[in-house]
């Protein structure tokens, strides 16, 4: 009975604290320029108003040991500089099986240096990991990237629209860009020409960009 009373008192305290939070100190999505324009971007893509997507340039695919690189173009404006896509594959420290894939997307020749995680901070340094050698097999509109280690790991890279399926034992365990809503806002100089079509969220709402 005492335990029940204690829990009730704790619940009452937590509810009181929740009610005492001053919501006016928190910004809404409409007050944040990035959140606001991304919602508009999603709405336009899903409604078909500005449907478009990124596609993998098949001829740009390059394999080097445990990494794969490729370029991504946006179908609504081929004059936009491509994005650079990179996969790096590593083995598990536990049993040497496959399963560690680092995926990195950035812009080619950015106007300013882009942020990149510092190795050893949030992510482990590459030299601490054992590379997983992979093979690449091309098919119609898709590229299979297959681990040579035990564990039956594969990355299915779909070209158009760009999408990535991570597979283990023949089962998809994770996806990237399955809804084709990738929004990568490239650095642009103030006064630069607008995109020919809907490329990123700045085309849906260009307020408060500079």
C-alpha atoms as a PDB file:
ATOM      1  CA  UNK A   1       0.000   0.000   0.000  1.00  0.00           C
ATOM      2  CA  UNK A   2       2.869   2.343   0.874  1.00  0.00           C
ATOM      3  CA  UNK A   3       4.539   1.549  -2.478  1.00  0.00           C
ATOM      4  CA  UNK A   4       1.297   2.357  -4.318  1.00  0.00           C
ATOM      5  CA  UNK A   5       0.978   5.658  -2.477  1.00  0.00           C
ATOM      6  CA  UNK A   6       4.591   6.532  -3.332  1.00  0.00           C
ATOM      7  CA  UNK A   7       3.990   5.854  -7.024  1.00  0.00           C
ATOM      8  CA  UNK A   8       0.852   7.973  -6.993  1.00  0.00           C
ATOM      9  CA  UNK A   9       2.746  10.832  -5.369  1.00  0.00           C
ATOM     10  CA  UNK A  10       5.555  10.543  -7.937  1.00  0.00           C
ATOM     11  CA  UNK A  11       3.052  10.551 -10.799  1.00  0.00           C
ATOM     12  CA  UNK A  12       1.351  13.647  -9.379  1.00  0.00           C
ATOM     13  CA  UNK A  13       4.730  15.378  -9.096  1.00  0.00           C
ATOM     14  CA  UNK A  14       5.661  14.558 -12.695  1.00  0.00           C
ATOM     15  CA  UNK A  15       2.293  15.777 -13.966  1.00  0.00           C
ATOM     16  CA  UNK A  16       2.755  18.982 -12.032  1.00  0.00           C
ATOM     17  CA  UNK A  17       6.197  19.521 -13.532  1.00  0.00           C
ATOM     18  CA  UNK A  18       4.866  18.869 -17.035  1.00  0.00           C
ATOM     19  CA  UNK A  19       2.086  21.393 -16.573  1.00  0.00           C
ATOM     20  CA  UNK A  20       4.513  23.987 -15.248  1.00  0.00           C
ATOM     21  CA  UNK A  21       6.634  23.991 -18.448  1.00  0.00           C
ATOM     22  CA  UNK A  22       6.444  27.328 -20.219  1.00  0.00           C
ATOM     23  CA  UNK A  23       5.624  26.317 -23.802  1.00  0.00           C
ATOM     24  CA  UNK A  24       6.199  29.866 -25.022  1.00  0.00           C
ATOM     25  CA  UNK A  25       9.953  29.299 -24.612  1.00  0.00           C
ATOM     26  CA  UNK A  26       9.939  26.542 -27.243  1.00  0.00           C
ATOM     27  CA  UNK A  27       9.904  27.274 -30.958  1.00  0.00           C
ATOM     28  CA  UNK A  28       7.250  25.738 -33.176  1.00  0.00           C
ATOM     29  CA  UNK A  29       7.999  24.254 -36.588  1.00  0.00           C
ATOM     30  CA  UNK A  30       6.602  27.385 -38.267  1.00  0.00           C
ATOM     31  CA  UNK A  31       9.087  29.517 -36.333  1.00  0.00           C
ATOM     32  CA  UNK A  32      12.063  27.487 -37.587  1.00  0.00           C
ATOM     33  CA  UNK A  33      12.910  28.198 -41.221  1.00  0.00           C
ATOM     34  CA  UNK A  34      14.364  24.758 -41.958  1.00  0.00           C
ATOM     35  CA  UNK A  35      11.446  22.846 -40.428  1.00  0.00           C
ATOM     36  CA  UNK A  36       8.901  25.097 -42.107  1.00  0.00           C
ATOM     37  CA  UNK A  37      10.323  24.813 -45.611  1.00  0.00           C
ATOM     38  CA  UNK A  38      10.949  21.062 -45.291  1.00  0.00           C
ATOM     39  CA  UNK A  39       7.284  20.479 -44.425  1.00  0.00           C
ATOM     40  CA  UNK A  40       6.305  22.456 -47.514  1.00  0.00           C
ATOM     41  CA  UNK A  41       8.829  20.472 -49.568  1.00  0.00           C
ATOM     42  CA  UNK A  42       7.355  17.153 -48.403  1.00  0.00           C
ATOM     43  CA  UNK A  43       3.854  18.394 -49.143  1.00  0.00           C
ATOM     44  CA  UNK A  44       4.767  19.366 -52.703  1.00  0.00           C
ATOM     45  CA  UNK A  45       6.588  16.106 -53.423  1.00  0.00           C
ATOM     46  CA  UNK A  46       3.860  13.882 -52.003  1.00  0.00           C
ATOM     47  CA  UNK A  47       1.099  15.831 -53.754  1.00  0.00           C
ATOM     48  CA  UNK A  48       2.898  15.582 -57.071  1.00  0.00           C
ATOM     49  CA  UNK A  49       3.252  19.357 -57.459  1.00  0.00           C
ATOM     50  CA  UNK A  50       6.993  19.155 -57.686  1.00  0.00           C
ATOM     51  CA  UNK A  51       7.656  15.446 -57.844  1.00  0.00           C
ATOM     52  CA  UNK A  52      11.305  14.764 -58.449  1.00  0.00           C
ATOM     53  CA  UNK A  53      14.121  12.683 -57.139  1.00  0.00           C
ATOM     54  CA  UNK A  54      17.822  12.024 -57.109  1.00  0.00           C
ATOM     55  CA  UNK A  55      19.313   9.393 -59.379  1.00  0.00           C
ATOM     56  CA  UNK A  56      22.610   7.542 -59.283  1.00  0.00           C
ATOM     57  CA  UNK A  57      24.944   8.211 -62.195  1.00  0.00           C
ATOM     58  CA  UNK A  58      25.753   4.593 -63.026  1.00  0.00           C
ATOM     59  CA  UNK A  59      28.942   5.480 -64.907  1.00  0.00           C
ATOM     60  CA  UNK A  60      30.293   7.247 -61.798  1.00  0.00           C
ATOM     61  CA  UNK A  61      30.320   4.117 -59.602  1.00  0.00           C
ATOM     62  CA  UNK A  62      33.851   3.353 -58.429  1.00  0.00           C
ATOM     63  CA  UNK A  63      35.028   0.605 -56.078  1.00  0.00           C
ATOM     64  CA  UNK A  64      38.198   0.855 -54.016  1.00  0.00           C
ATOM     65  CA  UNK A  65      38.882  -1.966 -51.542  1.00  0.00           C
ATOM     66  CA  UNK A  66      36.179  -1.558 -48.868  1.00  0.00           C
ATOM     67  CA  UNK A  67      34.521   1.578 -50.263  1.00  0.00           C
ATOM     68  CA  UNK A  68      32.132   2.478 -53.079  1.00  0.00           C
ATOM     69  CA  UNK A  69      31.664   5.975 -54.464  1.00  0.00           C
ATOM     70  CA  UNK A  70      29.072   7.416 -56.848  1.00  0.00           C
ATOM     71  CA  UNK A  71      27.474  10.689 -57.910  1.00  0.00           C
ATOM     72  CA  UNK A  72      23.824  11.689 -57.459  1.00  0.00           C
ATOM     73  CA  UNK A  73      21.980  14.025 -59.811  1.00  0.00           C
ATOM     74  CA  UNK A  74      18.543  15.574 -59.394  1.00  0.00           C
ATOM     75  CA  UNK A  75      16.186  14.989 -62.313  1.00  0.00           C
ATOM     76  CA  UNK A  76      14.513  18.408 -61.960  1.00  0.00           C
ATOM     77  CA  UNK A  77      17.703  20.322 -62.705  1.00  0.00           C
ATOM     78  CA  UNK A  78      20.720  18.574 -64.216  1.00  0.00           C
ATOM     79  CA  UNK A  79      22.707  21.826 -63.988  1.00  0.00           C
ATOM     80  CA  UNK A  80      22.863  21.500 -60.208  1.00  0.00           C
ATOM     81  CA  UNK A  81      26.216  20.172 -59.054  1.00  0.00           C
ATOM     82  CA  UNK A  82      25.998  16.478 -58.189  1.00  0.00           C
ATOM     83  CA  UNK A  83      26.082  15.079 -54.686  1.00  0.00           C
ATOM     84  CA  UNK A  84      28.802  12.625 -53.732  1.00  0.00           C
ATOM     85  CA  UNK A  85      27.742   9.306 -52.197  1.00  0.00           C
ATOM     86  CA  UNK A  86      30.177   7.039 -50.373  1.00  0.00           C
ATOM     87  CA  UNK A  87      29.815   3.693 -48.620  1.00  0.00           C
ATOM     88  CA  UNK A  88      32.557   2.278 -46.376  1.00  0.00           C
ATOM     89  CA  UNK A  89      32.331  -1.315 -45.147  1.00  0.00           C
ATOM     90  CA  UNK A  90      33.819  -2.769 -41.952  1.00  0.00           C
ATOM     91  CA  UNK A  91      33.804  -6.010 -39.968  1.00  0.00           C
ATOM     92  CA  UNK A  92      32.369  -6.657 -36.525  1.00  0.00           C
ATOM     93  CA  UNK A  93      34.925  -6.691 -33.675  1.00  0.00           C
ATOM     94  CA  UNK A  94      33.000  -9.517 -32.037  1.00  0.00           C
ATOM     95  CA  UNK A  95      33.132 -12.309 -34.605  1.00  0.00           C
ATOM     96  CA  UNK A  96      34.592 -10.802 -37.776  1.00  0.00           C
ATOM     97  CA  UNK A  97      31.268 -10.896 -39.602  1.00  0.00           C
ATOM     98  CA  UNK A  98      29.976  -8.232 -41.957  1.00  0.00           C
ATOM     99  CA  UNK A  99      27.451  -5.580 -40.978  1.00  0.00           C
ATOM    100  CA  UNK A 100      29.096  -2.173 -40.436  1.00  0.00           C
ATOM    101  CA  UNK A 101      28.344   0.268 -43.265  1.00  0.00           C
ATOM    102  CA  UNK A 102      29.127   3.958 -43.072  1.00  0.00           C
ATOM    103  CA  UNK A 103      27.140   6.072 -45.532  1.00  0.00           C
ATOM    104  CA  UNK A 104      28.191   9.613 -46.360  1.00  0.00           C
ATOM    105  CA  UNK A 105      26.524  12.129 -48.692  1.00  0.00           C
ATOM    106  CA  UNK A 106      27.933  15.572 -49.386  1.00  0.00           C
ATOM    107  CA  UNK A 107      27.994  18.084 -52.214  1.00  0.00           C
ATOM    108  CA  UNK A 108      30.661  18.286 -54.884  1.00  0.00           C
ATOM    109  CA  UNK A 109      32.816  21.424 -54.664  1.00  0.00           C
ATOM    110  CA  UNK A 110      30.784  23.205 -51.957  1.00  0.00           C
ATOM    111  CA  UNK A 111      30.816  26.979 -51.691  1.00  0.00           C
ATOM    112  CA  UNK A 112      31.966  26.564 -48.065  1.00  0.00           C
ATOM    113  CA  UNK A 113      33.421  23.521 -46.256  1.00  0.00           C
ATOM    114  CA  UNK A 114      30.644  21.167 -45.099  1.00  0.00           C
ATOM    115  CA  UNK A 115      30.450  19.830 -41.562  1.00  0.00           C
ATOM    116  CA  UNK A 116      31.908  16.377 -41.051  1.00  0.00           C
ATOM    117  CA  UNK A 117      31.984  14.283 -37.881  1.00  0.00           C
ATOM    118  CA  UNK A 118      35.377  14.220 -36.192  1.00  0.00           C
ATOM    119  CA  UNK A 119      36.749  10.648 -36.131  1.00  0.00           C
ATOM    120  CA  UNK A 120      37.071   9.397 -32.577  1.00  0.00           C
ATOM    121  CA  UNK A 121      34.391  11.780 -31.304  1.00  0.00           C
ATOM    122  CA  UNK A 122      30.953  10.336 -32.086  1.00  0.00           C
ATOM    123  CA  UNK A 123      32.207   7.655 -34.460  1.00  0.00           C
ATOM    124  CA  UNK A 124      35.219   5.378 -34.172  1.00  0.00           C
ATOM    125  CA  UNK A 125      38.340   6.103 -36.173  1.00  0.00           C
ATOM    126  CA  UNK A 126      38.649   4.127 -39.391  1.00  0.00           C
ATOM    127  CA  UNK A 127      42.043   2.781 -38.376  1.00  0.00           C
ATOM    128  CA  UNK A 128      40.394   1.109 -35.386  1.00  0.00           C
ATOM    129  CA  UNK A 129      38.109  -0.897 -37.676  1.00  0.00           C
ATOM    130  CA  UNK A 130      38.916  -3.840 -39.925  1.00  0.00           C
ATOM    131  CA  UNK A 131      37.894  -3.253 -43.561  1.00  0.00           C
ATOM    132  CA  UNK A 132      35.310  -5.510 -45.147  1.00  0.00           C
ATOM    133  CA  UNK A 133      36.243  -6.203 -48.764  1.00  0.00           C
ATOM    134  CA  UNK A 134      33.222  -6.032 -51.056  1.00  0.00           C
ATOM    135  CA  UNK A 135      32.294  -6.981 -54.612  1.00  0.00           C
ATOM    136  CA  UNK A 136      30.113  -4.908 -56.897  1.00  0.00           C
ATOM    137  CA  UNK A 137      27.614  -6.391 -59.335  1.00  0.00           C
ATOM    138  CA  UNK A 138      25.607  -4.214 -61.732  1.00  0.00           C
ATOM    139  CA  UNK A 139      22.114  -5.013 -62.991  1.00  0.00           C
ATOM    140  CA  UNK A 140      19.336  -3.104 -64.769  1.00  0.00           C
ATOM    141  CA  UNK A 141      18.815   0.038 -62.649  1.00  0.00           C
ATOM    142  CA  UNK A 142      20.454  -1.452 -59.580  1.00  0.00           C
ATOM    143  CA  UNK A 143      23.878  -2.251 -58.140  1.00  0.00           C
ATOM    144  CA  UNK A 144      24.496  -5.016 -55.617  1.00  0.00           C
ATOM    145  CA  UNK A 145      27.366  -4.397 -53.201  1.00  0.00           C
ATOM    146  CA  UNK A 146      28.178  -7.733 -51.603  1.00  0.00           C
ATOM    147  CA  UNK A 147      30.375  -8.401 -48.584  1.00  0.00           C
ATOM    148  CA  UNK A 148      33.015 -11.127 -48.919  1.00  0.00           C
ATOM    149  CA  UNK A 149      32.909 -11.825 -45.153  1.00  0.00           C
ATOM    150  CA  UNK A 150      30.616 -14.210 -43.331  1.00  0.00           C
ATOM    151  CA  UNK A 151      27.154 -12.986 -42.405  1.00  0.00           C
ATOM    152  CA  UNK A 152      25.499 -12.682 -45.831  1.00  0.00           C
ATOM    153  CA  UNK A 153      25.434  -8.863 -45.985  1.00  0.00           C
ATOM    154  CA  UNK A 154      24.496  -6.896 -49.071  1.00  0.00           C
ATOM    155  CA  UNK A 155      23.658  -3.320 -49.995  1.00  0.00           C
ATOM    156  CA  UNK A 156      21.139  -2.867 -52.783  1.00  0.00           C
ATOM    157  CA  UNK A 157      21.712   0.503 -54.469  1.00  0.00           C
ATOM    158  CA  UNK A 158      18.722   1.484 -56.592  1.00  0.00           C
ATOM    159  CA  UNK A 159      19.633   4.029 -59.251  1.00  0.00           C
ATOM    160  CA  UNK A 160      16.450   5.893 -60.191  1.00  0.00           C
ATOM    161  CA  UNK A 161      14.992   6.993 -57.877  1.00  0.00           C
ATOM    162  CA  UNK A 162      17.990   6.797 -55.564  1.00  0.00           C
ATOM    163  CA  UNK A 163      17.327   4.384 -52.706  1.00  0.00           C
ATOM    164  CA  UNK A 164      19.463   2.129 -50.537  1.00  0.00           C
ATOM    165  CA  UNK A 165      18.390  -1.186 -48.999  1.00  0.00           C
ATOM    166  CA  UNK A 166      20.660  -2.798 -46.401  1.00  0.00           C
ATOM    167  CA  UNK A 167      20.186  -6.563 -46.319  1.00  0.00           C
ATOM    168  CA  UNK A 168      21.314  -9.371 -44.022  1.00  0.00           C
ATOM    169  CA  UNK A 169      20.473 -12.989 -44.759  1.00  0.00           C
ATOM    170  CA  UNK A 170      18.270 -11.922 -47.656  1.00  0.00           C
ATOM    171  CA  UNK A 171      16.132  -9.671 -45.431  1.00  0.00           C
ATOM    172  CA  UNK A 172      15.990  -5.866 -45.599  1.00  0.00           C
ATOM    173  CA  UNK A 173      17.017  -4.482 -42.203  1.00  0.00           C
ATOM    174  CA  UNK A 174      17.278  -0.777 -43.033  1.00  0.00           C
ATOM    175  CA  UNK A 175      16.491   1.643 -45.860  1.00  0.00           C
ATOM    176  CA  UNK A 176      17.640   5.082 -46.927  1.00  0.00           C
ATOM    177  CA  UNK A 177      15.409   7.419 -48.947  1.00  0.00           C
ATOM    178  CA  UNK A 178      12.614   4.884 -49.408  1.00  0.00           C
ATOM    179  CA  UNK A 179      10.076   7.756 -49.638  1.00  0.00           C
ATOM    180  CA  UNK A 180      12.337   9.702 -52.032  1.00  0.00           C
ATOM    181  CA  UNK A 181      12.273  12.811 -49.852  1.00  0.00           C
ATOM    182  CA  UNK A 182      16.020  13.427 -49.720  1.00  0.00           C
ATOM    183  CA  UNK A 183      16.517  17.139 -49.111  1.00  0.00           C
ATOM    184  CA  UNK A 184      20.112  18.272 -49.438  1.00  0.00           C
ATOM    185  CA  UNK A 185      20.351  22.061 -49.367  1.00  0.00           C
ATOM    186  CA  UNK A 186      23.501  23.010 -51.203  1.00  0.00           C
ATOM    187  CA  UNK A 187      25.352  26.191 -50.354  1.00  0.00           C
ATOM    188  CA  UNK A 188      24.430  28.968 -52.783  1.00  0.00           C
ATOM    189  CA  UNK A 189      25.687  32.508 -53.124  1.00  0.00           C
ATOM    190  CA  UNK A 190      23.218  35.276 -52.357  1.00  0.00           C
ATOM    191  CA  UNK A 191      21.444  36.339 -55.533  1.00  0.00           C
ATOM    192  CA  UNK A 192      22.251  33.116 -57.395  1.00  0.00           C
ATOM    193  CA  UNK A 193      19.775  31.796 -59.962  1.00  0.00           C
ATOM    194  CA  UNK A 194      16.899  29.632 -58.767  1.00  0.00           C
ATOM    195  CA  UNK A 195      16.734  25.957 -59.611  1.00  0.00           C
ATOM    196  CA  UNK A 196      14.871  24.945 -62.755  1.00  0.00           C
ATOM    197  CA  UNK A 197      12.511  22.821 -60.663  1.00  0.00           C
ATOM    198  CA  UNK A 198      11.940  21.519 -57.156  1.00  0.00           C
ATOM    199  CA  UNK A 199      15.393  20.323 -56.084  1.00  0.00           C
ATOM    200  CA  UNK A 200      15.411  20.986 -52.351  1.00  0.00           C
ATOM    201  CA  UNK A 201      13.306  22.654 -49.675  1.00  0.00           C
ATOM    202  CA  UNK A 202      14.628  26.134 -50.496  1.00  0.00           C
ATOM    203  CA  UNK A 203      12.598  25.927 -53.718  1.00  0.00           C
ATOM    204  CA  UNK A 204       9.433  25.414 -51.659  1.00  0.00           C
ATOM    205  CA  UNK A 205      10.179  28.315 -49.296  1.00  0.00           C
ATOM    206  CA  UNK A 206      13.151  30.642 -49.799  1.00  0.00           C
ATOM    207  CA  UNK A 207      12.488  32.860 -46.790  1.00  0.00           C
ATOM    208  CA  UNK A 208      15.270  33.523 -44.241  1.00  0.00           C
ATOM    209  CA  UNK A 209      18.002  31.868 -46.289  1.00  0.00           C
ATOM    210  CA  UNK A 210      20.572  34.628 -46.000  1.00  0.00           C
END
